[in-house]
C-alpha atoms as a PDB file:
ATOM      1  CA  UNK A   1     -79.003  25.225 -16.278  1.00  0.00           C
ATOM      2  CA  UNK A   2     -80.184  28.527 -14.826  1.00  0.00           C
ATOM      3  CA  UNK A   3     -83.838  29.515 -14.636  1.00  0.00           C
ATOM      4  CA  UNK A   4     -83.241  32.249 -17.232  1.00  0.00           C
ATOM      5  CA  UNK A   5     -81.630  29.752 -19.642  1.00  0.00           C
ATOM      6  CA  UNK A   6     -84.506  27.295 -19.172  1.00  0.00           C
ATOM      7  CA  UNK A   7     -87.073  30.027 -19.815  1.00  0.00           C
ATOM      8  CA  UNK A   8     -85.224  31.168 -22.944  1.00  0.00           C
ATOM      9  CA  UNK A   9     -85.028  27.581 -24.219  1.00  0.00           C
ATOM     10  CA  UNK A  10     -88.746  27.063 -23.560  1.00  0.00           C
ATOM     11  CA  UNK A  11     -89.611  30.292 -25.394  1.00  0.00           C
ATOM     12  CA  UNK A  12     -87.469  29.338 -28.400  1.00  0.00           C
ATOM     13  CA  UNK A  13     -89.138  25.935 -28.638  1.00  0.00           C
ATOM     14  CA  UNK A  14     -92.685  27.227 -28.141  1.00  0.00           C
ATOM     15  CA  UNK A  15     -92.507  30.288 -30.415  1.00  0.00           C
ATOM     16  CA  UNK A  16     -93.067  28.434 -33.728  1.00  0.00           C
ATOM     17  CA  UNK A  17     -95.905  26.382 -32.265  1.00  0.00           C
ATOM     18  CA  UNK A  18     -97.653  29.445 -30.886  1.00  0.00           C
ATOM     19  CA  UNK A  19     -97.149  31.310 -34.153  1.00  0.00           C
ATOM     20  CA  UNK A  20     -98.936  28.518 -36.045  1.00  0.00           C
ATOM     21  CA  UNK A  21    -101.835  28.289 -33.589  1.00  0.00           C
ATOM     22  CA  UNK A  22    -104.033  30.989 -35.217  1.00  0.00           C
ATOM     23  CA  UNK A  23    -103.778  29.125 -38.528  1.00  0.00           C
ATOM     24  CA  UNK A  24    -105.094  25.911 -37.017  1.00  0.00           C
ATOM     25  CA  UNK A  25    -107.826  27.544 -34.935  1.00  0.00           C
ATOM     26  CA  UNK A  26    -109.134  29.705 -37.756  1.00  0.00           C
ATOM     27  CA  UNK A  27    -111.251  26.857 -39.066  1.00  0.00           C
ATOM     28  CA  UNK A  28    -110.544  27.685 -42.723  1.00  0.00           C
ATOM     29  CA  UNK A  29    -108.138  25.692 -44.782  1.00  0.00           C
ATOM     30  CA  UNK A  30    -106.171  27.382 -47.483  1.00  0.00           C
ATOM     31  CA  UNK A  31    -107.188  26.112 -50.910  1.00  0.00           C
ATOM     32  CA  UNK A  32    -105.065  26.179 -54.013  1.00  0.00           C
ATOM     33  CA  UNK A  33    -106.547  27.646 -57.146  1.00  0.00           C
ATOM     34  CA  UNK A  34    -106.882  25.635 -60.323  1.00  0.00           C
ATOM     35  CA  UNK A  35    -103.831  25.395 -62.535  1.00  0.00           C
ATOM     36  CA  UNK A  36    -103.979  27.849 -65.410  1.00  0.00           C
ATOM     37  CA  UNK A  37    -102.569  25.967 -68.443  1.00  0.00           C
ATOM     38  CA  UNK A  38    -101.815  29.279 -70.172  1.00  0.00           C
ATOM     39  CA  UNK A  39     -99.514  30.224 -67.273  1.00  0.00           C
ATOM     40  CA  UNK A  40     -98.026  26.845 -66.333  1.00  0.00           C
ATOM     41  CA  UNK A  41     -97.420  24.776 -69.444  1.00  0.00           C
ATOM     42  CA  UNK A  42     -96.722  21.107 -68.804  1.00  0.00           C
ATOM     43  CA  UNK A  43     -95.552  18.426 -71.217  1.00  0.00           C
ATOM     44  CA  UNK A  44     -95.532  14.952 -69.742  1.00  0.00           C
ATOM     45  CA  UNK A  45     -92.927  12.443 -70.951  1.00  0.00           C
ATOM     46  CA  UNK A  46     -95.339  10.817 -73.413  1.00  0.00           C
ATOM     47  CA  UNK A  47     -96.052  14.272 -74.913  1.00  0.00           C
ATOM     48  CA  UNK A  48     -92.417  15.040 -75.740  1.00  0.00           C
ATOM     49  CA  UNK A  49     -91.633  14.510 -79.428  1.00  0.00           C
ATOM     50  CA  UNK A  50     -88.284  12.788 -80.032  1.00  0.00           C
ATOM     51  CA  UNK A  51     -86.775  12.926 -83.525  1.00  0.00           C
ATOM     52  CA  UNK A  52     -83.730  11.187 -84.942  1.00  0.00           C
ATOM     53  CA  UNK A  53     -80.866  13.598 -85.526  1.00  0.00           C
ATOM     54  CA  UNK A  54     -80.631  14.439 -89.223  1.00  0.00           C
ATOM     55  CA  UNK A  55     -77.640  12.798 -90.900  1.00  0.00           C
ATOM     56  CA  UNK A  56     -77.138  10.273 -88.073  1.00  0.00           C
ATOM     57  CA  UNK A  57     -78.033   6.552 -88.162  1.00  0.00           C
ATOM     58  CA  UNK A  58     -81.384   5.516 -86.647  1.00  0.00           C
ATOM     59  CA  UNK A  59     -81.175   4.736 -82.913  1.00  0.00           C
ATOM     60  CA  UNK A  60     -77.933   6.701 -82.482  1.00  0.00           C
ATOM     61  CA  UNK A  61     -78.961  10.131 -81.211  1.00  0.00           C
ATOM     62  CA  UNK A  62     -82.410  11.690 -80.809  1.00  0.00           C
ATOM     63  CA  UNK A  63     -83.440  15.286 -80.143  1.00  0.00           C
ATOM     64  CA  UNK A  64     -86.488  16.746 -78.411  1.00  0.00           C
ATOM     65  CA  UNK A  65     -86.610  20.553 -78.606  1.00  0.00           C
ATOM     66  CA  UNK A  66     -88.478  21.905 -75.569  1.00  0.00           C
ATOM     67  CA  UNK A  67     -88.024  25.681 -75.933  1.00  0.00           C
ATOM     68  CA  UNK A  68     -86.641  27.815 -78.716  1.00  0.00           C
ATOM     69  CA  UNK A  69     -84.320  26.556 -81.406  1.00  0.00           C
ATOM     70  CA  UNK A  70     -80.560  26.213 -81.740  1.00  0.00           C
ATOM     71  CA  UNK A  71     -80.572  28.110 -85.043  1.00  0.00           C
ATOM     72  CA  UNK A  72     -82.530  31.312 -84.240  1.00  0.00           C
ATOM     73  CA  UNK A  73     -81.332  34.004 -81.778  1.00  0.00           C
ATOM     74  CA  UNK A  74     -82.483  33.492 -78.202  1.00  0.00           C
ATOM     75  CA  UNK A  75     -82.608  31.005 -75.376  1.00  0.00           C
ATOM     76  CA  UNK A  76     -83.133  27.325 -76.162  1.00  0.00           C
ATOM     77  CA  UNK A  77     -83.644  24.128 -74.174  1.00  0.00           C
ATOM     78  CA  UNK A  78     -83.456  20.733 -75.809  1.00  0.00           C
ATOM     79  CA  UNK A  79     -83.191  17.134 -74.728  1.00  0.00           C
ATOM     80  CA  UNK A  80     -80.603  14.926 -76.412  1.00  0.00           C
ATOM     81  CA  UNK A  81     -80.676  11.134 -76.115  1.00  0.00           C
ATOM     82  CA  UNK A  82     -77.490   9.249 -77.012  1.00  0.00           C
ATOM     83  CA  UNK A  83     -77.854   5.495 -77.551  1.00  0.00           C
ATOM     84  CA  UNK A  84     -75.050   3.094 -76.557  1.00  0.00           C
ATOM     85  CA  UNK A  85     -72.392   2.636 -79.204  1.00  0.00           C
ATOM     86  CA  UNK A  86     -72.539   6.129 -80.721  1.00  0.00           C
ATOM     87  CA  UNK A  87     -70.617   9.341 -80.181  1.00  0.00           C
ATOM     88  CA  UNK A  88     -70.299  12.646 -81.932  1.00  0.00           C
ATOM     89  CA  UNK A  89     -67.251  13.514 -83.992  1.00  0.00           C
ATOM     90  CA  UNK A  90     -65.123  16.349 -82.558  1.00  0.00           C
ATOM     91  CA  UNK A  91     -66.905  19.673 -82.979  1.00  0.00           C
ATOM     92  CA  UNK A  92     -67.289  23.191 -81.552  1.00  0.00           C
ATOM     93  CA  UNK A  93     -70.088  25.662 -80.846  1.00  0.00           C
ATOM     94  CA  UNK A  94     -70.017  29.446 -81.067  1.00  0.00           C
ATOM     95  CA  UNK A  95     -71.807  29.815 -77.721  1.00  0.00           C
ATOM     96  CA  UNK A  96     -71.535  28.153 -74.311  1.00  0.00           C
ATOM     97  CA  UNK A  97     -73.796  25.184 -73.653  1.00  0.00           C
ATOM     98  CA  UNK A  98     -75.106  24.249 -70.227  1.00  0.00           C
ATOM     99  CA  UNK A  99     -75.829  20.543 -69.859  1.00  0.00           C
ATOM    100  CA  UNK A 100     -77.487  18.445 -67.141  1.00  0.00           C
ATOM    101  CA  UNK A 101     -77.457  14.662 -67.408  1.00  0.00           C
ATOM    102  CA  UNK A 102     -81.067  13.634 -66.744  1.00  0.00           C
ATOM    103  CA  UNK A 103     -80.595   9.860 -66.951  1.00  0.00           C
ATOM    104  CA  UNK A 104     -77.972   7.292 -67.867  1.00  0.00           C
ATOM    105  CA  UNK A 105     -74.254   8.010 -68.170  1.00  0.00           C
ATOM    106  CA  UNK A 106     -72.907  10.451 -70.749  1.00  0.00           C
ATOM    107  CA  UNK A 107     -69.291  10.028 -71.859  1.00  0.00           C
ATOM    108  CA  UNK A 108     -67.459  13.279 -72.674  1.00  0.00           C
ATOM    109  CA  UNK A 109     -64.021  14.536 -73.632  1.00  0.00           C
ATOM    110  CA  UNK A 110     -62.322  17.705 -74.825  1.00  0.00           C
ATOM    111  CA  UNK A 111     -59.974  18.116 -77.744  1.00  0.00           C
ATOM    112  CA  UNK A 112     -59.743  17.489 -81.444  1.00  0.00           C
ATOM    113  CA  UNK A 113     -58.401  13.915 -81.294  1.00  0.00           C
ATOM    114  CA  UNK A 114     -61.252  11.404 -81.157  1.00  0.00           C
ATOM    115  CA  UNK A 115     -60.386   8.793 -78.506  1.00  0.00           C
ATOM    116  CA  UNK A 116     -63.451   7.123 -76.931  1.00  0.00           C
ATOM    117  CA  UNK A 117     -61.246   5.237 -74.437  1.00  0.00           C
ATOM    118  CA  UNK A 118     -60.261   8.607 -72.932  1.00  0.00           C
ATOM    119  CA  UNK A 119     -63.809   9.849 -72.380  1.00  0.00           C
ATOM    120  CA  UNK A 120     -64.980  10.593 -68.851  1.00  0.00           C
ATOM    121  CA  UNK A 121     -68.256   9.148 -67.504  1.00  0.00           C
ATOM    122  CA  UNK A 122     -70.773  11.753 -66.364  1.00  0.00           C
ATOM    123  CA  UNK A 123     -73.652  10.163 -64.392  1.00  0.00           C
ATOM    124  CA  UNK A 124     -77.241  11.357 -64.040  1.00  0.00           C
ATOM    125  CA  UNK A 125     -77.579  14.512 -61.966  1.00  0.00           C
ATOM    126  CA  UNK A 126     -74.259  15.956 -63.160  1.00  0.00           C
ATOM    127  CA  UNK A 127     -73.662  19.335 -64.790  1.00  0.00           C
ATOM    128  CA  UNK A 128     -71.357  19.964 -67.763  1.00  0.00           C
ATOM    129  CA  UNK A 129     -70.454  23.426 -69.070  1.00  0.00           C
ATOM    130  CA  UNK A 130     -69.249  23.326 -72.669  1.00  0.00           C
ATOM    131  CA  UNK A 131     -67.152  26.440 -73.276  1.00  0.00           C
ATOM    132  CA  UNK A 132     -67.709  28.208 -76.611  1.00  0.00           C
ATOM    133  CA  UNK A 133     -65.287  27.551 -79.472  1.00  0.00           C
ATOM    134  CA  UNK A 134     -63.534  24.623 -77.733  1.00  0.00           C
ATOM    135  CA  UNK A 135     -63.408  21.230 -79.491  1.00  0.00           C
ATOM    136  CA  UNK A 136     -65.105  18.289 -77.804  1.00  0.00           C
ATOM    137  CA  UNK A 137     -67.042  15.081 -78.450  1.00  0.00           C
ATOM    138  CA  UNK A 138     -69.463  12.929 -76.478  1.00  0.00           C
ATOM    139  CA  UNK A 139     -72.025  10.138 -76.526  1.00  0.00           C
ATOM    140  CA  UNK A 140     -72.428   6.711 -74.939  1.00  0.00           C
ATOM    141  CA  UNK A 141     -69.721   4.112 -75.253  1.00  0.00           C
ATOM    142  CA  UNK A 142     -70.579   0.701 -76.684  1.00  0.00           C
ATOM    143  CA  UNK A 143     -70.506  -0.908 -73.238  1.00  0.00           C
ATOM    144  CA  UNK A 144     -73.181   1.515 -71.958  1.00  0.00           C
ATOM    145  CA  UNK A 145     -76.235  -0.204 -70.507  1.00  0.00           C
ATOM    146  CA  UNK A 146     -78.779   2.446 -71.441  1.00  0.00           C
ATOM    147  CA  UNK A 147     -79.199   5.662 -73.405  1.00  0.00           C
ATOM    148  CA  UNK A 148     -78.099   8.915 -71.773  1.00  0.00           C
ATOM    149  CA  UNK A 149     -80.560  11.810 -71.774  1.00  0.00           C
ATOM    150  CA  UNK A 150     -79.043  15.276 -71.480  1.00  0.00           C
ATOM    151  CA  UNK A 151     -80.898  18.587 -71.072  1.00  0.00           C
ATOM    152  CA  UNK A 152     -78.938  21.256 -72.958  1.00  0.00           C
ATOM    153  CA  UNK A 153     -79.551  24.994 -72.882  1.00  0.00           C
ATOM    154  CA  UNK A 154     -77.796  28.125 -74.024  1.00  0.00           C
ATOM    155  CA  UNK A 155     -78.073  31.091 -76.334  1.00  0.00           C
ATOM    156  CA  UNK A 156     -78.605  30.509 -80.028  1.00  0.00           C
ATOM    157  CA  UNK A 157     -77.576  30.414 -82.739  1.00  0.00           C
ATOM    158  CA  UNK A 158     -75.078  27.790 -81.595  1.00  0.00           C
ATOM    159  CA  UNK A 159     -73.089  27.692 -84.849  1.00  0.00           C
ATOM    160  CA  UNK A 160     -71.994  24.064 -84.622  1.00  0.00           C
ATOM    161  CA  UNK A 161     -68.880  23.254 -86.644  1.00  0.00           C
ATOM    162  CA  UNK A 162     -67.401  19.810 -87.253  1.00  0.00           C
ATOM    163  CA  UNK A 163     -63.600  19.782 -87.007  1.00  0.00           C
ATOM    164  CA  UNK A 164     -63.463  17.572 -90.113  1.00  0.00           C
ATOM    165  CA  UNK A 165     -66.517  18.477 -92.210  1.00  0.00           C
ATOM    166  CA  UNK A 166     -65.538  15.871 -94.826  1.00  0.00           C
ATOM    167  CA  UNK A 167     -66.487  13.026 -92.414  1.00  0.00           C
ATOM    168  CA  UNK A 168     -69.849  12.243 -90.777  1.00  0.00           C
ATOM    169  CA  UNK A 169     -70.713  13.999 -87.510  1.00  0.00           C
ATOM    170  CA  UNK A 170     -71.073  10.687 -85.706  1.00  0.00           C
ATOM    171  CA  UNK A 171     -68.901   7.722 -84.838  1.00  0.00           C
ATOM    172  CA  UNK A 172     -69.897   4.115 -84.137  1.00  0.00           C
ATOM    173  CA  UNK A 173     -67.870   3.019 -81.105  1.00  0.00           C
END
């Protein structure tokens, strides 16, 4: 390696260390200000209110609205918790829905024909985009080990429609 190359390499390695030196020699540590609860609003898990979905059996699907509502115009964010053995009946929404699986495995499928054996497993950390006005269904199959929690957001009103409104919006699987 040439002398010029060695000098360049040394300068590249030393530059960040030298740049940080005034911060360490200044003798003053940066201090964070106190959290302003009117500017950063936190709800811990034990402060989130879960409610059974109206018209569904107990311990089938729960909802926890976090921001906005699915029925009034504007942005919403809600948590949905599907318990093993329950799925939704095929349905559509008028607006796109953006979903992130927070925990567990969510089982999803597209189409009007309800067939739980054809659902696809979506593990925690995954993203699902539900396209407006397309039929689909989802939940947790009976062999699921735990509930699936999904964070869902979009623009409201969502205008949910069951494909067969004469039957319940849920299925025991």
